[in-house]
Amino acid sequence: MEKLFLDTNIVLDLIGNREPFVKEAAFLFQLGRNKECQLFVSDLTFVNIAYITRKTYPKEKLYSVLSKLRSFLTIVGGGVVAVDHALALQADDFEDAVQYYAARQADADYIITRNKKDFSFSEIEVLTSEEYVLLKHII
């Protein structure tokens, strides 16, 4: 089963119903719910989502959304190792470097993001959600 590591922006596309990206994001999440692939996110993604949506969602809705996501996403913790690797890498975007090392910890086949350029250093194949869907001929 393929392992997809989802960057925070993909999760936000779904829960924020962000056009024009929500359709492909929803397909990825459906694949995960149907156990056609395994979906990974970092613990940092949950923190990012809570921070970004704190003014948009009431607390109860935020916790409900996070709980639903938790029910089918596999969370990998980057921790000190990811931070140390990201510091050594000195990438343009520190947060994405931490995400990358979480993806490595998950042994992901793909990193799915809308910001491919931020993962230019990645040894894991990086695709947008649209590219993954087209690659797999899902739509």
Protein backbone atom coordinates (compact mmCIF):
# COMPACT_ATOMS: atom_id res chain seq x y z
CA MET A 1 0.00 0.00 0.00
CA GLU A 2 1.36 3.41 -0.94
CA LYS A 3 2.26 5.83 1.80
CA LEU A 4 1.40 9.46 1.17
CA PHE A 5 2.73 12.19 3.43
CA LEU A 6 0.41 15.19 3.30
CA ASP A 7 1.78 18.66 3.81
CA THR A 8 -0.31 20.97 5.98
CA ASN A 9 -1.64 22.90 2.98
CA ILE A 10 -3.35 19.77 1.59
CA VAL A 11 -5.21 19.20 4.85
CA LEU A 12 -6.18 22.87 4.95
CA ASP A 13 -7.46 22.61 1.37
CA LEU A 14 -9.91 19.97 2.51
CA ILE A 15 -11.10 21.37 5.81
CA GLY A 16 -11.18 24.93 4.50
CA ASN A 17 -12.96 23.88 1.31
CA ARG A 18 -10.35 25.89 -0.59
CA GLU A 19 -11.03 26.19 -4.29
CA PRO A 20 -9.76 25.06 -6.71
CA PHE A 21 -7.78 22.56 -4.62
CA VAL A 22 -10.47 20.89 -2.52
CA LYS A 23 -11.55 18.35 -5.16
CA GLU A 24 -8.18 16.61 -5.39
CA ALA A 25 -7.61 16.87 -1.65
CA ALA A 26 -10.98 15.21 -1.04
CA PHE A 27 -10.02 12.37 -3.40
CA LEU A 28 -6.82 11.77 -1.46
CA PHE A 29 -8.68 11.68 1.83
CA GLN A 30 -11.25 9.30 0.36
CA LEU A 31 -8.45 6.98 -0.76
CA GLY A 32 -7.13 6.99 2.79
CA ARG A 33 -10.54 6.37 4.34
CA ASN A 34 -11.07 3.50 1.89
CA LYS A 35 -7.66 2.09 2.86
CA GLU A 36 -6.43 2.33 -0.73
CA CYS A 37 -3.37 4.18 0.56
CA GLN A 38 -2.00 5.17 3.92
CA LEU A 39 -2.08 8.87 4.76
CA PHE A 40 0.54 10.39 7.02
CA VAL A 41 0.88 13.84 8.53
CA SER A 42 3.27 15.17 11.12
CA ASP A 43 2.26 16.18 14.59
CA LEU A 44 3.28 19.66 13.47
CA THR A 45 0.42 19.59 10.94
CA PHE A 46 -2.13 19.32 13.75
CA VAL A 47 -0.48 22.23 15.54
CA ASN A 48 -0.44 24.28 12.31
CA ILE A 49 -4.11 23.56 11.63
CA ALA A 50 -5.13 24.54 15.15
CA TYR A 51 -3.15 27.76 14.91
CA ILE A 52 -4.33 28.73 11.42
CA THR A 53 -8.02 27.97 12.00
CA ARG A 54 -8.32 29.19 15.60
CA LYS A 55 -10.14 32.36 14.55
CA THR A 56 -12.25 30.68 11.88
CA TYR A 57 -13.66 27.77 13.89
CA PRO A 58 -15.17 27.80 17.36
CA LYS A 59 -13.19 25.60 19.75
CA GLU A 60 -15.76 22.77 19.65
CA LYS A 61 -15.73 22.62 15.84
CA LEU A 62 -11.93 22.74 15.73
CA TYR A 63 -11.63 19.80 18.11
CA SER A 64 -14.30 17.91 16.18
CA VAL A 65 -12.42 18.42 12.90
CA LEU A 66 -9.10 17.43 14.47
CA SER A 67 -10.67 14.32 16.00
CA LYS A 68 -12.13 13.26 12.64
CA LEU A 69 -8.77 13.74 10.97
CA ARG A 70 -7.08 11.79 13.73
CA SER A 71 -9.39 8.84 13.14
CA PHE A 72 -7.83 7.99 9.77
CA LEU A 73 -4.54 9.87 9.49
CA THR A 74 -1.34 8.33 10.79
CA ILE A 75 0.62 10.90 12.75
CA VAL A 76 4.40 10.83 12.80
CA GLY A 77 6.33 12.93 15.25
CA GLY A 78 9.34 14.72 13.96
CA GLY A 79 10.75 15.62 17.33
CA VAL A 80 14.33 16.50 18.05
CA VAL A 81 15.72 14.40 15.19
CA ALA A 82 13.65 16.25 12.58
CA VAL A 83 14.58 19.60 14.07
CA ASP A 84 18.28 18.69 14.09
CA HIS A 85 18.15 17.47 10.48
CA ALA A 86 16.24 20.59 9.41
CA LEU A 87 18.81 22.80 11.11
CA ALA A 88 21.62 20.98 9.32
CA LEU A 89 19.80 21.18 5.98
CA GLN A 90 19.31 24.96 6.22
CA ALA A 91 16.45 24.87 3.70
CA ASP A 92 14.68 28.06 2.70
CA ASP A 93 11.57 26.97 4.64
CA PHE A 94 12.42 25.48 8.03
CA GLU A 95 8.89 24.17 8.64
CA ASP A 96 8.94 22.24 5.36
CA ALA A 97 12.33 20.78 6.25
CA VAL A 98 10.84 19.49 9.52
CA GLN A 99 7.87 18.10 7.55
CA TYR A 100 10.30 16.39 5.15
CA TYR A 101 12.06 14.53 7.95
CA ALA A 102 8.70 13.44 9.34
CA ALA A 103 7.90 12.08 5.86
CA ARG A 104 11.19 10.20 5.89
CA GLN A 105 10.32 8.77 9.30
CA ALA A 106 7.03 7.56 7.80
CA ASP A 107 8.96 5.98 4.91
CA ALA A 108 6.58 7.84 2.59
CA ASP A 109 6.45 7.04 -1.11
CA TYR A 110 5.29 10.57 -1.94
CA ILE A 111 5.07 13.97 -0.33
CA ILE A 112 1.87 15.69 -1.43
CA THR A 113 1.98 19.49 -1.27
CA ARG A 114 1.01 22.61 -3.16
CA ASN A 115 4.48 24.07 -2.62
CA LYS A 116 6.78 21.71 -4.50
CA LYS A 117 9.57 24.28 -4.69
CA ASP A 118 9.83 24.24 -0.89
CA PHE A 119 10.84 20.56 -1.08
CA SER A 120 13.52 20.93 -3.77
CA PHE A 121 15.96 19.07 -1.51
CA SER A 122 13.68 16.04 -1.10
CA GLU A 123 14.81 12.53 -1.92
CA ILE A 124 11.15 11.50 -1.73
CA GLU A 125 9.09 12.21 -4.85
CA VAL A 126 7.08 15.41 -4.38
CA LEU A 127 3.75 15.88 -6.16
CA THR A 128 0.78 18.18 -5.96
CA SER A 129 -2.53 16.54 -5.13
CA GLU A 130 -3.60 17.10 -8.73
CA GLU A 131 -0.44 15.42 -10.06
CA TYR A 132 -0.96 12.40 -7.81
CA VAL A 133 -4.58 12.02 -8.86
CA LEU A 134 -3.60 12.26 -12.55
CA LEU A 135 -0.68 9.85 -12.06
CA LYS A 136 -2.99 7.27 -10.57
CA HIS A 137 -5.76 7.96 -13.13
CA ILE A 138 -8.25 8.47 -10.35
CA ILE A 139 -10.27 11.24 -11.95
